[in-house]
Amino acid sequence: MPKTRYRSIFISDTHLCSRDAQAEVLLHFLRHTKSENLYLVGDFLDVWQLRRRWHWPQVYSNVIHRILSRVKKGAKVVYIPGNHDEFFRDFLGTQFGGVQIVPRTVHRTADGRRMLVMHGDEFDAVVQCNKWLALLGSAAYEYLVAANRILNVVRRRTRLPYWSLAAYCKRRVKNAAKYISRFETALAHEGKTMGVDGVICGHIHTPVIKNVQGLLYCNTGDWVENCTALVEHEDGRLEIVHWLPRYLDALSRAHGLEVDPEDEEPQVAEYAPFATRIARGLVAAE
């Protein structure tokens, strides 16, 4: 599968360290795309899950290797921590392997538009004012995603396509729809206050590009249920890319193909210092 080139790529809510993170799909995306700019728009690691149990399979190291290799090749990589990886907000203004860690930033598209890039949890009253309620909601979401996983095992066996139960519930539940609308409005208001042309965010796992109160609102989606990224083409055009269908199509055509020996991934031990730093930080936080 040839690599697709974009000017910029925005991904968020990968939730690595959660058992429902679609890390293999994310790795496939990183292997088959390239860009001048890569923005990690929050919740890259799920520290909330990491506090419960240590979970670091090889594929996580492979994902980090792919990201760091982009820096070595001259790409600009920016990491904006979210609420699930707020541990890294203690390192704002620093760099890790050339990756810039910032609270938010403004990206200028090829056609001159200024886009405010942030995770968005600071505008979530539930997370900011009632963290215990947010944790409870996170646990409920996990059970919903687990049920979704079982459901889709059955659907695959009956040759039915992938279907997201969590996304369906968010669309159908009135309160969820109202919450998403208020979140979008709050982000659009912040964009107007900052004098930008649009906002790019994550947090609510709802990929979309739309006009909200005269401002362009873009949500990158997630890599738990949607497997989506926001991409900027060379002419500045923005698009939501749904990668799961491409990944499944590649799997169906991959039988019998040999792995390129020059494309081998590093071993987990290479990222042991990185994992140890996280673990020590969590212990200190406790």
Protein backbone atom coordinates (compact mmCIF):
# COMPACT_ATOMS: atom_id res chain seq x y z
CA MET A 1 0.00 0.00 0.00
CA PRO A 2 1.67 3.29 -1.07
CA LYS A 3 2.09 6.17 1.36
CA THR A 4 -0.40 9.04 1.16
CA ARG A 5 1.13 12.49 1.58
CA TYR A 6 -0.63 15.28 3.45
CA ARG A 7 0.56 18.71 4.48
CA SER A 8 -0.65 18.21 8.07
CA ILE A 9 -2.17 15.42 10.15
CA PHE A 10 -4.15 15.86 13.38
CA ILE A 11 -4.93 12.83 15.56
CA SER A 12 -6.31 12.66 19.09
CA ASP A 13 -7.74 10.29 21.66
CA THR A 14 -5.63 7.29 20.72
CA HIS A 15 -5.91 6.19 24.40
CA LEU A 16 -2.85 3.95 24.30
CA CYS A 17 -2.71 1.86 27.52
CA SER A 18 -6.46 1.23 27.24
CA ARG A 19 -7.30 -2.30 26.14
CA ASP A 20 -9.74 -0.88 23.58
CA ALA A 21 -7.16 1.33 21.84
CA GLN A 22 -6.93 0.45 18.15
CA ALA A 23 -3.14 0.66 18.17
CA GLU A 24 -2.65 -1.72 15.22
CA VAL A 25 -4.88 0.44 13.05
CA LEU A 26 -3.08 3.58 14.23
CA LEU A 27 0.30 2.01 13.42
CA HIS A 28 -0.93 1.10 9.95
CA PHE A 29 -2.05 4.72 9.48
CA LEU A 30 1.36 6.07 10.53
CA ARG A 31 3.16 3.60 8.27
CA HIS A 32 1.17 4.59 5.20
CA THR A 33 0.97 8.37 5.57
CA LYS A 34 3.50 11.18 5.73
CA SER A 35 3.23 14.90 6.42
CA GLU A 36 5.17 18.07 7.15
CA ASN A 37 3.22 18.57 10.39
CA LEU A 38 1.84 16.06 12.88
CA TYR A 39 -0.32 17.19 15.79
CA LEU A 40 -1.17 14.83 18.68
CA VAL A 41 -4.25 16.58 20.04
CA GLY A 42 -4.55 15.04 23.50
CA ASP A 43 -5.25 11.72 25.22
CA PHE A 44 -2.39 10.07 23.36
CA LEU A 45 -1.79 7.89 26.42
CA ASP A 46 -4.59 6.88 28.77
CA VAL A 47 -2.95 7.56 32.14
CA TRP A 48 -6.26 6.88 33.91
CA GLN A 49 -6.06 3.28 32.67
CA LEU A 50 -2.34 3.08 33.38
CA ARG A 51 -3.03 3.84 37.02
CA ARG A 52 -5.24 0.76 37.19
CA ARG A 53 -2.91 -1.67 35.44
CA TRP A 54 0.36 -1.70 33.52
CA HIS A 55 -0.27 -2.42 29.86
CA TRP A 56 2.47 -1.80 27.28
CA PRO A 57 2.50 -4.22 24.31
CA GLN A 58 5.05 -4.04 21.50
CA VAL A 59 2.71 -2.14 19.20
CA TYR A 60 2.82 0.92 21.51
CA SER A 61 6.60 1.10 21.13
CA ASN A 62 6.17 0.76 17.38
CA VAL A 63 3.73 3.69 17.33
CA ILE A 64 6.15 5.89 19.30
CA HIS A 65 9.01 4.83 17.02
CA ARG A 66 6.99 5.91 13.98
CA ILE A 67 6.25 9.30 15.53
CA LEU A 68 9.85 9.96 16.59
CA SER A 69 11.13 8.87 13.19
CA ARG A 70 9.03 11.65 11.63
CA VAL A 71 10.91 14.17 13.75
CA LYS A 72 14.24 12.75 12.53
CA LYS A 73 13.03 13.16 8.95
CA GLY A 74 12.30 16.85 9.51
CA ALA A 75 8.58 16.85 10.32
CA LYS A 76 7.19 19.17 12.96
CA VAL A 77 5.51 17.11 15.70
CA VAL A 78 3.43 18.85 18.39
CA TYR A 79 1.92 17.12 21.43
CA ILE A 80 -1.00 18.77 23.26
CA PRO A 81 -1.84 16.78 26.44
CA GLY A 82 -5.49 16.06 27.23
CA ASN A 83 -7.33 15.13 30.41
CA HIS A 84 -6.43 11.41 30.20
CA ASP A 85 -2.72 12.23 29.85
CA GLU A 86 -2.67 15.42 31.94
CA PHE A 87 0.48 14.06 33.60
CA PHE A 88 2.40 15.55 30.66
CA ARG A 89 1.07 19.03 31.40
CA ASP A 90 3.87 19.19 33.96
CA PHE A 91 6.26 19.26 30.98
CA LEU A 92 4.65 22.05 28.94
CA GLY A 93 7.21 24.07 27.01
CA THR A 94 9.70 21.20 26.84
CA GLN A 95 10.55 18.64 24.18
CA PHE A 96 10.69 14.85 24.16
CA GLY A 97 12.73 13.42 21.31
CA GLY A 98 12.08 16.59 19.34
CA VAL A 99 8.32 16.48 20.01
CA GLN A 100 7.10 19.86 21.27
CA ILE A 101 4.76 19.69 24.30
CA VAL A 102 2.39 22.70 24.43
CA PRO A 103 -1.04 23.43 25.97
CA ARG A 104 -2.46 24.70 22.65
CA THR A 105 -1.21 26.21 19.42
CA VAL A 106 -2.31 28.01 16.25
CA HIS A 107 -1.79 26.25 12.93
CA ARG A 108 -1.80 28.19 9.65
CA THR A 109 -3.16 26.22 6.72
CA ALA A 110 -1.73 26.39 3.20
CA ASP A 111 -4.57 28.69 2.15
CA GLY A 112 -3.85 31.13 5.01
CA ARG A 113 -6.48 30.18 7.60
CA ARG A 114 -5.49 30.31 11.28
CA MET A 115 -6.73 27.28 13.22
CA LEU A 116 -6.65 27.08 17.02
CA VAL A 117 -5.55 23.56 18.01
CA MET A 118 -6.36 22.23 21.50
CA HIS A 119 -7.71 19.10 23.14
CA GLY A 120 -10.87 20.76 24.46
CA ASP A 121 -11.32 19.23 27.91
CA GLU A 122 -10.87 22.65 29.51
CA PHE A 123 -14.33 23.46 28.16
CA ASP A 124 -15.88 20.30 29.57
CA ALA A 125 -17.59 21.32 32.81
CA VAL A 126 -17.99 17.66 33.83
CA VAL A 127 -14.23 17.05 33.73
CA GLN A 128 -13.27 20.39 35.26
CA CYS A 129 -15.83 20.57 38.08
CA ASN A 130 -16.78 16.95 38.79
CA LYS A 131 -13.77 14.74 38.13
CA TRP A 132 -15.29 11.78 39.99
CA LEU A 133 -18.29 11.98 37.66
CA ALA A 134 -15.96 12.04 34.66
CA LEU A 135 -14.20 8.92 35.96
CA LEU A 136 -17.57 7.21 36.40
CA GLY A 137 -18.52 8.19 32.86
CA SER A 138 -15.19 6.86 31.62
CA ALA A 139 -15.87 3.50 33.27
CA ALA A 140 -19.35 3.34 31.71
CA TYR A 141 -17.84 4.14 28.32
CA GLU A 142 -15.36 1.27 28.76
CA TYR A 143 -18.20 -1.21 29.34
CA LEU A 144 -20.01 0.16 26.30
CA VAL A 145 -16.90 -0.26 24.14
CA ALA A 146 -16.40 -3.79 25.53
CA ALA A 147 -19.97 -4.67 24.56
CA ASN A 148 -19.27 -3.12 21.17
CA ARG A 149 -16.23 -5.39 20.76
CA ILE A 150 -18.25 -8.55 21.47
CA LEU A 151 -21.04 -7.39 19.17
CA ASN A 152 -18.64 -6.88 16.28
CA VAL A 153 -17.06 -10.31 16.75
CA VAL A 154 -20.53 -11.73 16.07
CA ARG A 155 -21.03 -9.35 13.14
CA ARG A 156 -17.72 -10.39 11.56
CA ARG A 157 -18.67 -14.06 11.81
CA THR A 158 -21.93 -13.31 10.03
CA ARG A 159 -20.07 -11.21 7.40
CA LEU A 160 -21.63 -7.95 8.53
CA PRO A 161 -19.57 -4.71 8.48
CA TYR A 162 -18.17 -2.98 11.57
CA TRP A 163 -20.75 -0.96 13.53
CA SER A 164 -20.12 1.30 16.55
CA LEU A 165 -22.57 0.81 19.42
CA ALA A 166 -20.97 3.66 21.37
CA ALA A 167 -21.35 6.09 18.47
CA TYR A 168 -24.97 4.99 17.98
CA CYS A 169 -25.77 5.63 21.65
CA LYS A 170 -24.19 9.08 21.50
CA ARG A 171 -26.30 9.97 18.48
CA ARG A 172 -29.55 8.67 19.97
CA VAL A 173 -29.31 9.81 23.60
CA LYS A 174 -30.80 13.29 23.85
CA ASN A 175 -28.52 14.48 26.65
CA ALA A 176 -25.42 13.31 24.78
CA ALA A 177 -26.49 15.20 21.65
CA LYS A 178 -27.15 18.31 23.74
CA TYR A 179 -23.74 18.00 25.43
CA ILE A 180 -21.94 17.71 22.09
CA SER A 181 -23.77 20.77 20.76
CA ARG A 182 -22.83 22.83 23.83
CA PHE A 183 -19.22 21.65 23.59
CA GLU A 184 -19.01 22.70 19.94
CA THR A 185 -20.52 26.10 20.75
CA ALA A 186 -18.05 26.67 23.59
CA LEU A 187 -15.10 25.84 21.34
CA ALA A 188 -16.42 28.13 18.60
CA HIS A 189 -16.79 30.96 21.11
CA GLU A 190 -13.17 30.46 22.22
CA GLY A 191 -12.06 30.56 18.60
CA LYS A 192 -13.84 33.87 18.06
CA THR A 193 -12.25 35.25 21.22
CA MET A 194 -8.80 34.26 19.90
CA GLY A 195 -9.54 35.84 16.52
CA VAL A 196 -8.88 32.67 14.50
CA ASP A 197 -10.70 31.21 11.51
CA GLY A 198 -11.42 27.84 13.06
CA VAL A 199 -10.84 25.35 15.86
CA ILE A 200 -9.36 21.84 15.77
CA CYS A 201 -9.96 19.67 18.82
CA GLY A 202 -10.61 16.16 20.11
CA HIS A 203 -11.95 14.96 23.46
CA ILE A 204 -15.53 13.96 22.61
CA HIS A 205 -14.72 11.21 20.05
CA THR A 206 -17.04 12.67 17.41
CA PRO A 207 -15.25 13.28 14.08
CA VAL A 208 -16.75 16.17 12.16
CA ILE A 209 -16.05 19.28 10.10
CA LYS A 210 -18.82 21.85 10.30
CA ASN A 211 -19.63 25.53 10.62
CA VAL A 212 -20.54 26.54 14.18
CA GLN A 213 -21.66 30.13 14.71
CA GLY A 214 -19.69 31.31 11.68
CA LEU A 215 -16.49 29.51 12.67
CA LEU A 216 -15.02 26.32 11.21
CA TYR A 217 -15.18 23.57 13.85
CA CYS A 218 -13.13 20.40 13.33
CA ASN A 219 -13.04 17.40 15.65
CA THR A 220 -10.43 14.76 14.85
CA GLY A 221 -12.42 11.86 16.32
CA ASP A 222 -10.57 9.03 18.05
CA TRP A 223 -8.75 5.69 17.72
CA VAL A 224 -11.03 3.63 19.96
CA GLU A 225 -14.27 3.42 18.01
CA ASN A 226 -13.91 5.62 14.92
CA CYS A 227 -10.22 5.39 13.89
CA THR A 228 -10.25 8.81 12.26
CA ALA A 229 -7.81 11.65 11.64
CA LEU A 230 -8.17 15.20 10.40
CA VAL A 231 -5.83 15.85 7.47
CA GLU A 232 -4.82 18.97 5.59
CA HIS A 233 -4.12 18.61 1.88
CA GLU A 234 -1.42 20.59 0.08
CA ASP A 235 -3.95 23.23 -0.95
CA GLY A 236 -5.18 23.76 2.64
CA ARG A 237 -8.36 21.71 2.27
CA LEU A 238 -9.31 19.87 5.47
CA GLU A 239 -10.81 16.36 5.49
CA ILE A 240 -11.77 13.65 7.97
CA VAL A 241 -10.10 10.36 7.03
CA HIS A 242 -11.70 7.11 8.23
CA TRP A 243 -8.82 4.63 8.34
CA LEU A 244 -10.46 1.41 9.57
CA PRO A 245 -11.90 0.46 6.14
CA ARG A 246 -8.46 0.96 4.57
CA TYR A 247 -6.83 -1.15 7.28
CA LEU A 248 -9.32 -3.99 6.87
CA ASP A 249 -8.94 -3.83 3.09
CA ALA A 250 -5.15 -3.99 3.44
CA LEU A 251 -5.46 -7.02 5.73
CA SER A 252 -7.63 -8.82 3.20
CA ARG A 253 -5.00 -8.27 0.49
CA ALA A 254 -1.93 -8.90 2.65
CA HIS A 255 -1.86 -12.71 2.62
CA GLY A 256 1.33 -14.02 1.13
CA LEU A 257 3.20 -10.69 1.20
CA GLU A 258 6.66 -10.59 2.78
CA VAL A 259 7.71 -8.01 5.37
CA ASP A 260 10.40 -5.57 4.25
CA PRO A 261 13.45 -6.33 6.45
CA GLU A 262 14.35 -2.63 6.44
CA ASP A 263 11.00 -1.82 8.01
CA GLU A 264 11.47 -3.78 11.24
CA GLU A 265 10.27 -2.09 14.41
CA PRO A 266 12.43 -1.64 17.55
CA GLN A 267 11.98 -3.81 20.62
CA VAL A 268 10.03 -2.77 23.71
CA ALA A 269 13.29 -2.44 25.69
CA GLU A 270 14.20 0.62 23.58
CA TYR A 271 11.38 2.55 25.24
CA ALA A 272 11.88 1.20 28.75
CA PRO A 273 13.24 4.58 30.04
CA PHE A 274 10.16 6.34 28.63
CA ALA A 275 7.81 3.84 30.29
CA THR A 276 9.75 4.08 33.56
CA ARG A 277 9.39 7.88 33.61
CA ILE A 278 5.63 7.55 33.26
CA ALA A 279 5.43 4.90 35.99
CA ARG A 280 7.51 7.02 38.41
CA GLY A 281 5.32 10.01 37.71
CA LEU A 282 2.19 8.01 38.48
CA VAL A 283 3.64 6.68 41.73
CA ALA A 284 4.57 10.25 42.76
CA ALA A 285 1.05 11.42 41.88
CA GLU A 286 -0.47 8.74 44.08
